Amino acid sequence: MPKMKTKKAAAKRFTLTASGKVKYKKMNLRHILTKKSQKRKRKLRKAGFLAAGPIHQIKKKLLPNG
C-alpha cells in the first residue's frame, strides 16, 4: 500500500503541538483593519486551538505524518 500523502492545504493552515493539540492562525487580521478595534485585533494575534471535535479528522486524514 502506498504512503499517505499530506493534504498541503491543511499543512499550511494547521500545526500540531507537542501535547497533540491542533493550532491555527485566526482569520480577519489581513486587511480593512481601521474599522476593527484595538482589543479585537490584539485578540486575533493569538493562536487558536481547535475544539475536541475535529481534531481527530485533522490529525488522521489531513496531517498523517504529524
C-alpha atoms as a PDB file:
ATOM      1  CA  MET A   1       0.000   0.000   0.000  1.00  0.00           C
ATOM      2  CA  PRO A   2       1.429   3.434  -0.908  1.00  0.00           C
ATOM      3  CA  LYS A   3       2.261   6.119   1.611  1.00  0.00           C
ATOM      4  CA  MET A   4      -0.437   8.536   2.676  1.00  0.00           C
ATOM      5  CA  LYS A   5       0.124  11.997   1.301  1.00  0.00           C
ATOM      6  CA  THR A   6      -0.249  15.065   3.492  1.00  0.00           C
ATOM      7  CA  LYS A   7      -3.001  17.441   2.403  1.00  0.00           C
ATOM      8  CA  LYS A   8      -0.911  20.527   1.667  1.00  0.00           C
ATOM      9  CA  ALA A   9      -3.799  22.955   2.196  1.00  0.00           C
ATOM     10  CA  ALA A  10      -4.208  21.629   5.734  1.00  0.00           C
ATOM     11  CA  ALA A  11      -0.462  21.577   6.372  1.00  0.00           C
ATOM     12  CA  LYS A  12      -0.271  25.285   5.585  1.00  0.00           C
ATOM     13  CA  ARG A  13      -3.129  26.136   7.959  1.00  0.00           C
ATOM     14  CA  PHE A  14      -2.666  23.813  10.923  1.00  0.00           C
ATOM     15  CA  THR A  15       0.257  22.736  13.089  1.00  0.00           C
ATOM     16  CA  LEU A  16       0.391  20.115  15.806  1.00  0.00           C
ATOM     17  CA  THR A  17       1.716  20.998  19.250  1.00  0.00           C
ATOM     18  CA  ALA A  18       3.797  18.678  21.411  1.00  0.00           C
ATOM     19  CA  SER A  19       0.761  17.836  23.543  1.00  0.00           C
ATOM     20  CA  GLY A  20      -1.263  16.880  20.444  1.00  0.00           C
ATOM     21  CA  LYS A  21      -3.451  19.956  20.094  1.00  0.00           C
ATOM     22  CA  VAL A  22      -4.127  21.470  16.674  1.00  0.00           C
ATOM     23  CA  LYS A  23      -3.054  25.114  16.423  1.00  0.00           C
ATOM     24  CA  TYR A  24      -4.067  27.616  13.725  1.00  0.00           C
ATOM     25  CA  LYS A  25      -3.873  31.339  12.959  1.00  0.00           C
ATOM     26  CA  LYS A  26      -7.082  33.276  13.411  1.00  0.00           C
ATOM     27  CA  MET A  27      -8.720  34.987  10.464  1.00  0.00           C
ATOM     28  CA  ASN A  28      -9.704  38.657   9.883  1.00  0.00           C
ATOM     29  CA  LEU A  29      -6.313  40.265  10.514  1.00  0.00           C
ATOM     30  CA  ARG A  30      -5.153  40.805   6.928  1.00  0.00           C
ATOM     31  CA  HIS A  31      -6.853  43.956   5.645  1.00  0.00           C
ATOM     32  CA  ILE A  32      -9.530  46.550   6.473  1.00  0.00           C
ATOM     33  CA  LEU A  33      -8.003  46.973   9.911  1.00  0.00           C
ATOM     34  CA  THR A  34      -9.048  50.586  10.519  1.00  0.00           C
ATOM     35  CA  LYS A  35     -12.611  49.744  11.479  1.00  0.00           C
ATOM     36  CA  LYS A  36     -11.614  46.976  13.865  1.00  0.00           C
ATOM     37  CA  SER A  37     -10.971  47.864  17.489  1.00  0.00           C
ATOM     38  CA  GLN A  38      -7.549  47.515  19.105  1.00  0.00           C
ATOM     39  CA  LYS A  39      -8.945  44.937  21.518  1.00  0.00           C
ATOM     40  CA  ARG A  40     -10.265  42.813  18.664  1.00  0.00           C
ATOM     41  CA  LYS A  41      -7.002  42.990  16.711  1.00  0.00           C
ATOM     42  CA  ARG A  42      -4.990  42.139  19.823  1.00  0.00           C
ATOM     43  CA  LYS A  43      -7.090  39.029  20.456  1.00  0.00           C
ATOM     44  CA  LEU A  44      -6.791  37.955  16.808  1.00  0.00           C
ATOM     45  CA  ARG A  45      -2.988  37.930  17.066  1.00  0.00           C
ATOM     46  CA  LYS A  46      -3.032  34.984  19.441  1.00  0.00           C
ATOM     47  CA  ALA A  47      -3.119  31.457  18.090  1.00  0.00           C
ATOM     48  CA  GLY A  48      -6.349  29.499  18.099  1.00  0.00           C
ATOM     49  CA  PHE A  49      -6.734  25.871  19.128  1.00  0.00           C
ATOM     50  CA  LEU A  50      -9.279  23.537  17.592  1.00  0.00           C
ATOM     51  CA  ALA A  51     -12.061  22.095  19.700  1.00  0.00           C
ATOM     52  CA  ALA A  52     -12.079  18.407  20.561  1.00  0.00           C
ATOM     53  CA  GLY A  53     -14.494  17.520  17.741  1.00  0.00           C
ATOM     54  CA  PRO A  54     -12.488  17.960  14.508  1.00  0.00           C
ATOM     55  CA  ILE A  55      -9.043  17.196  15.987  1.00  0.00           C
ATOM     56  CA  HIS A  56      -9.276  13.508  15.074  1.00  0.00           C
ATOM     57  CA  GLN A  57     -10.167  14.298  11.449  1.00  0.00           C
ATOM     58  CA  ILE A  58      -7.333  16.786  11.046  1.00  0.00           C
ATOM     59  CA  LYS A  59      -4.714  14.551  12.633  1.00  0.00           C
ATOM     60  CA  LYS A  60      -5.604  11.311  10.873  1.00  0.00           C
ATOM     61  CA  LYS A  61      -6.742  12.420   7.438  1.00  0.00           C
ATOM     62  CA  LEU A  62      -5.187  15.771   6.690  1.00  0.00           C
ATOM     63  CA  LEU A  63      -1.870  15.591   8.566  1.00  0.00           C
ATOM     64  CA  PRO A  64      -0.982  11.891   8.637  1.00  0.00           C
ATOM     65  CA  ASN A  65       2.706  12.485   9.336  1.00  0.00           C
ATOM     66  CA  GLY A  66       2.080  14.903  12.215  1.00  0.00           C
END
